[in-house]
Amino acid sequence: MYAVVGCSDCSALWVTEGQPETTQCPRCGTRRKHAKRRKFVETDDEAHAREVRASMLANRQGEGDAFAELDSYAEMERQVDNAGVNDETYLEDSGVDTEAVSAAADRAEQGATSGASRKETVTNALRELDEPTEDTVVAYAEERGVPPSYTRKALEKLVRAGKASESRGQYRLL
């Protein structure tokens, strides 16, 4: 149930949903029992309540005739969806290859959902390899799309943070 209610202090109008115990005016902040608020219309359709409120505001400003000529909110939303240029056309006209963008988005989405993060890949290498040296960890990570420079830095950071140790060129998780 939706209702168009008004404030007795500042004459603001707004739409409420359900039957709350109290309501607060969005303009002046006055809080009153919902039952004591003046309800101009009560309906099960939120769009209808929004239309009534908009009509009342237009009438207050002397624009009731102009408002009456407008389409409903639902119709205007449909018109907005069809108006203007769609995203693909805009990007193509701006010189962007939309097929390349779509392919890159697909690759990024697949990488984000199907694989481990770069850091997880490095720590997995330390767990899974029998003798994880810098070269074997770099090779393991590179097979999984992690750049060698990142892998080397990650190994250094893991050792500095005390999460891994390095002894005689071999790494071990702590």
Protein backbone atom coordinates (compact mmCIF):
# COMPACT_ATOMS: atom_id res chain seq x y z
CA MET A 1 0.00 0.00 0.00
CA TYR A 2 1.34 3.41 -1.01
CA ALA A 3 0.02 6.76 0.16
CA VAL A 4 0.65 10.36 -0.81
CA VAL A 5 0.87 12.22 2.47
CA GLY A 6 1.41 15.83 3.40
CA CYS A 7 3.09 17.77 6.19
CA SER A 8 0.84 20.12 8.17
CA ASP A 9 3.82 22.37 9.04
CA CYS A 10 5.50 22.99 5.69
CA SER A 11 3.05 21.50 3.17
CA ALA A 12 5.58 19.07 1.69
CA LEU A 13 4.23 16.02 -0.15
CA TRP A 14 5.80 12.58 -0.31
CA VAL A 15 4.97 8.94 -0.94
CA THR A 16 5.02 6.42 1.90
CA GLU A 17 4.99 2.65 1.66
CA GLY A 18 3.01 0.45 4.02
CA GLN A 19 1.64 1.60 7.34
CA PRO A 20 4.60 2.84 9.39
CA GLU A 21 3.92 3.88 12.98
CA THR A 22 5.43 7.34 12.40
CA THR A 23 6.64 9.32 9.42
CA GLN A 24 9.11 12.16 9.18
CA CYS A 25 8.74 15.05 6.78
CA PRO A 26 11.66 15.03 4.33
CA ARG A 27 11.64 18.83 4.16
CA CYS A 28 11.26 20.11 7.73
CA GLY A 29 11.91 16.92 9.71
CA THR A 30 8.64 17.00 11.68
CA ARG A 31 7.78 13.52 12.96
CA ARG A 32 4.12 12.55 13.40
CA LYS A 33 2.07 9.41 13.72
CA HIS A 34 1.34 8.12 10.25
CA ALA A 35 -2.37 7.78 11.10
CA LYS A 36 -2.55 11.53 11.79
CA ARG A 37 -0.96 12.52 8.46
CA ARG A 38 -3.34 13.64 5.75
CA LYS A 39 -3.45 11.01 3.02
CA PHE A 40 -4.42 12.45 -0.35
CA VAL A 41 -4.52 9.07 -2.07
CA GLU A 42 -3.91 5.45 -1.08
CA THR A 43 -3.14 2.88 -3.76
CA ASP A 44 -1.45 -0.46 -4.32
CA ASP A 45 0.48 0.93 -7.30
CA GLU A 46 3.61 2.92 -6.51
CA ALA A 47 3.67 4.48 -9.99
CA HIS A 48 0.12 5.77 -9.49
CA ALA A 49 1.08 7.33 -6.14
CA ARG A 50 4.10 9.01 -7.76
CA GLU A 51 1.90 10.33 -10.55
CA VAL A 52 -0.63 11.79 -8.09
CA ARG A 53 2.13 13.50 -6.08
CA ALA A 54 3.69 14.95 -9.24
CA SER A 55 0.29 16.17 -10.42
CA MET A 56 -0.38 17.85 -7.07
CA LEU A 57 3.02 19.59 -7.16
CA ALA A 58 2.42 20.77 -10.74
CA ASN A 59 -0.99 22.15 -9.79
CA ARG A 60 0.55 24.05 -6.86
CA GLN A 61 2.90 25.77 -9.29
CA GLY A 62 0.16 26.52 -11.80
CA GLU A 63 1.50 23.96 -14.29
CA GLY A 64 -1.35 21.44 -14.05
CA ASP A 65 -2.27 21.76 -17.75
CA ALA A 66 1.34 21.22 -18.85
CA PHE A 67 1.63 18.20 -16.55
CA ALA A 68 -1.58 16.73 -17.96
CA GLU A 69 -0.02 16.73 -21.44
CA LEU A 70 2.93 14.61 -20.30
CA ASP A 71 3.02 10.84 -20.66
CA SER A 72 3.02 8.59 -17.60
CA TYR A 73 6.28 7.78 -15.79
CA ALA A 74 6.29 4.26 -17.21
CA GLU A 75 5.86 5.55 -20.76
CA MET A 76 8.59 8.16 -20.29
CA GLU A 77 10.97 5.46 -19.00
CA ARG A 78 10.32 3.41 -22.16
CA GLN A 79 10.99 6.50 -24.29
CA VAL A 80 14.27 7.19 -22.47
CA ASP A 81 15.46 3.66 -23.19
CA ASN A 82 14.91 4.26 -26.91
CA ALA A 83 16.23 7.83 -27.01
CA GLY A 84 19.81 8.81 -27.74
CA VAL A 85 22.73 6.71 -28.81
CA ASN A 86 23.39 3.25 -27.37
CA ASP A 87 26.74 2.52 -25.72
CA GLU A 88 28.15 0.47 -28.59
CA THR A 89 27.40 3.14 -31.20
CA TYR A 90 28.86 5.86 -28.98
CA LEU A 91 32.09 3.92 -28.43
CA GLU A 92 32.44 3.06 -32.12
CA ASP A 93 31.92 6.71 -33.11
CA SER A 94 34.58 7.66 -30.56
CA GLY A 95 37.09 5.36 -32.26
CA VAL A 96 36.95 2.49 -29.78
CA ASP A 97 36.98 -1.08 -31.10
CA THR A 98 33.97 -2.53 -29.26
CA GLU A 99 34.85 -6.11 -30.17
CA ALA A 100 38.28 -5.71 -28.57
CA VAL A 101 36.66 -4.17 -25.49
CA SER A 102 34.21 -7.07 -25.23
CA ALA A 103 37.01 -9.61 -25.60
CA ALA A 104 39.08 -7.86 -22.92
CA ALA A 105 36.09 -7.78 -20.58
CA ASP A 106 35.50 -11.50 -21.13
CA ARG A 107 39.17 -12.26 -20.40
CA ALA A 108 39.10 -10.14 -17.26
CA GLU A 109 35.90 -11.77 -16.07
CA GLN A 110 37.25 -15.27 -16.69
CA GLY A 111 40.47 -14.45 -14.88
CA ALA A 112 38.60 -12.97 -11.92
CA THR A 113 36.26 -15.92 -11.49
CA SER A 114 38.25 -18.96 -12.57
CA GLY A 115 41.76 -18.47 -11.22
CA ALA A 116 43.67 -17.54 -8.15
CA SER A 117 45.04 -14.07 -7.60
CA ARG A 118 48.69 -13.38 -8.40
CA LYS A 119 49.69 -13.59 -4.75
CA GLU A 120 47.74 -16.82 -4.27
CA THR A 121 49.50 -18.29 -7.31
CA VAL A 122 52.91 -17.54 -5.78
CA THR A 123 51.95 -19.02 -2.40
CA ASN A 124 50.43 -22.05 -4.15
CA ALA A 125 53.76 -22.57 -5.93
CA LEU A 126 55.57 -22.58 -2.58
CA ARG A 127 53.08 -25.14 -1.26
CA GLU A 128 52.96 -27.43 -4.28
CA LEU A 129 56.54 -27.50 -5.58
CA ASP A 130 58.92 -30.07 -4.09
CA GLU A 131 61.95 -27.76 -4.07
CA PRO A 132 60.67 -24.23 -4.65
CA THR A 133 63.59 -22.14 -5.83
CA GLU A 134 63.14 -18.67 -7.28
CA ASP A 135 63.40 -20.03 -10.83
CA THR A 136 60.88 -22.86 -10.30
CA VAL A 137 58.40 -20.54 -8.57
CA VAL A 138 58.77 -17.99 -11.38
CA ALA A 139 58.21 -20.73 -14.00
CA TYR A 140 55.16 -22.10 -12.10
CA ALA A 141 53.63 -18.64 -11.80
CA GLU A 142 54.44 -17.66 -15.38
CA GLU A 143 52.55 -20.74 -16.66
CA ARG A 144 49.53 -19.34 -14.84
CA GLY A 145 49.84 -15.83 -16.27
CA VAL A 146 51.79 -14.11 -13.49
CA PRO A 147 54.68 -11.92 -14.74
CA PRO A 148 58.16 -12.91 -13.50
CA SER A 149 58.82 -9.42 -12.07
CA TYR A 150 55.71 -9.69 -9.89
CA THR A 151 56.66 -13.18 -8.71
CA ARG A 152 60.16 -12.06 -7.64
CA LYS A 153 58.77 -9.06 -5.75
CA ALA A 154 56.10 -11.24 -4.12
CA LEU A 155 58.75 -13.69 -2.92
CA GLU A 156 60.77 -10.83 -1.41
CA LYS A 157 57.70 -9.44 0.33
CA LEU A 158 56.68 -12.84 1.71
CA VAL A 159 60.17 -13.30 3.20
CA ARG A 160 60.25 -9.74 4.62
CA ALA A 161 56.79 -10.19 6.15
CA GLY A 162 57.85 -13.45 7.80
CA LYS A 163 55.33 -15.52 5.86
CA ALA A 164 58.04 -17.44 4.01
CA SER A 165 61.71 -18.19 4.51
CA GLU A 166 64.58 -18.52 2.06
CA SER A 167 67.57 -20.71 2.79
CA ARG A 168 70.27 -21.66 0.24
CA GLY A 169 68.02 -20.53 -2.61
CA GLN A 170 65.04 -22.60 -1.51
CA TYR A 171 61.78 -21.09 -0.27
CA ARG A 172 59.38 -22.46 2.32
CA LEU A 173 56.05 -21.12 3.64
CA LEU A 174 55.92 -20.51 7.39
